[in-house]
Amino acid sequence: MANPKFSDEFKMNAIKLANNRGDRSLKDVAKELNISKSSLDAWLRNHREQLNQLSSDSRQWSAQEKLLAIAESHTLTGEELSQWCRMKGIFEHQLK
């Protein structure tokens, strides 16, 4: 049986859900999405690597990447926003 091919949109939604999972484990999030935990781990790892490359100089972010960062973080405040920024490897002032 072939592995299912997931759209980029599905992967980004899975990453957002995993990053905002609260006290739930990644295993629980993967189960909810009906995917393997190893797939979710790989998507998160790849996403972090891409963001780390971008965060080295935020001026090099494309407009689409900047918009995605704003869309992901616009509802976050306080500690949630700080945690999100740490995960993305950026400072809050860079986001603003």
Protein backbone atom coordinates (compact mmCIF):
# COMPACT_ATOMS: atom_id res chain seq x y z
CA MET A 1 0.00 0.00 0.00
CA ALA A 2 1.39 3.42 -0.97
CA ASN A 3 1.93 6.16 1.57
CA PRO A 4 -0.68 8.91 1.32
CA LYS A 5 0.55 12.24 -0.05
CA PHE A 6 -0.46 15.13 2.17
CA SER A 7 -0.92 18.64 0.84
CA ASP A 8 1.26 21.48 2.07
CA GLU A 9 -1.87 23.06 3.53
CA PHE A 10 -2.63 19.92 5.56
CA LYS A 11 0.97 19.81 6.81
CA MET A 12 0.91 23.49 7.84
CA ASN A 13 -2.39 22.98 9.68
CA ALA A 14 -0.90 19.92 11.42
CA ILE A 15 2.17 21.97 12.41
CA LYS A 16 -0.02 24.76 13.78
CA LEU A 17 -2.10 22.26 15.75
CA ALA A 18 1.04 20.59 17.13
CA ASN A 19 2.57 23.94 18.09
CA ASN A 20 -0.61 25.03 19.89
CA ARG A 21 -1.43 21.67 21.48
CA GLY A 22 -1.25 22.79 25.09
CA ASP A 23 -0.72 19.83 27.42
CA ARG A 24 -1.47 17.20 24.80
CA SER A 25 1.35 15.04 23.47
CA LEU A 26 2.47 14.98 19.85
CA LYS A 27 1.30 11.37 19.76
CA ASP A 28 -2.23 12.53 20.65
CA VAL A 29 -2.14 15.22 17.96
CA ALA A 30 -0.93 12.73 15.36
CA LYS A 31 -3.67 10.29 16.34
CA GLU A 32 -6.29 13.05 16.06
CA LEU A 33 -5.04 13.83 12.53
CA ASN A 34 -4.88 10.15 11.61
CA ILE A 35 -1.18 10.34 10.74
CA SER A 36 1.91 8.71 12.19
CA LYS A 37 3.82 10.50 14.91
CA SER A 38 7.00 10.06 12.86
CA SER A 39 5.42 12.01 9.98
CA LEU A 40 4.39 14.81 12.33
CA ASP A 41 7.88 14.83 13.87
CA ALA A 42 9.45 15.11 10.41
CA TRP A 43 7.13 17.97 9.38
CA LEU A 44 7.89 19.84 12.61
CA ARG A 45 11.63 19.28 12.21
CA ASN A 46 11.60 20.47 8.58
CA HIS A 47 9.50 23.50 9.52
CA ARG A 48 11.90 24.43 12.34
CA GLU A 49 14.89 24.05 10.01
CA GLN A 50 13.28 26.33 7.42
CA LEU A 51 12.44 28.92 10.05
CA ASN A 52 15.92 28.75 11.55
CA GLN A 53 17.41 29.50 8.15
CA LEU A 54 15.04 32.42 7.76
CA SER A 55 15.48 33.75 11.27
CA SER A 56 19.19 34.31 10.85
CA ASP A 57 18.23 37.51 9.02
CA SER A 58 14.54 38.44 9.07
CA ARG A 59 15.11 40.96 6.27
CA GLN A 60 15.55 37.99 3.92
CA TRP A 61 12.08 36.62 4.59
CA SER A 62 9.79 36.65 1.60
CA ALA A 63 6.50 38.50 1.86
CA GLN A 64 4.69 35.16 1.99
CA GLU A 65 6.89 33.92 4.86
CA LYS A 66 6.34 37.14 6.80
CA LEU A 67 2.60 36.88 6.25
CA LEU A 68 2.60 33.26 7.43
CA ALA A 69 4.48 34.24 10.61
CA ILE A 70 1.95 36.98 11.33
CA ALA A 71 -0.98 34.66 10.60
CA GLU A 72 0.41 32.01 12.95
CA SER A 73 1.10 34.40 15.81
CA HIS A 74 -1.52 37.15 15.62
CA THR A 75 -3.80 35.64 18.27
CA LEU A 76 -0.99 34.82 20.71
CA THR A 77 -0.18 36.97 23.72
CA GLY A 78 2.19 36.90 26.66
CA GLU A 79 3.87 33.58 27.33
CA GLU A 80 2.26 31.92 24.30
CA LEU A 81 3.79 34.54 22.01
CA SER A 82 7.16 34.24 23.73
CA GLN A 83 7.08 30.47 23.34
CA TRP A 84 6.11 30.76 19.67
CA CYS A 85 8.98 33.20 19.03
CA ARG A 86 11.48 30.92 20.79
CA MET A 87 10.31 27.99 18.70
CA LYS A 88 10.70 30.03 15.51
CA GLY A 89 14.06 31.41 16.58
CA ILE A 90 13.03 35.05 16.40
CA PHE A 91 12.51 37.88 18.85
CA GLU A 92 9.14 39.54 19.42
CA HIS A 93 10.47 42.84 18.09
CA GLN A 94 11.35 41.14 14.79
CA LEU A 95 7.78 39.93 14.52
CA LYS A 96 6.39 43.38 15.19
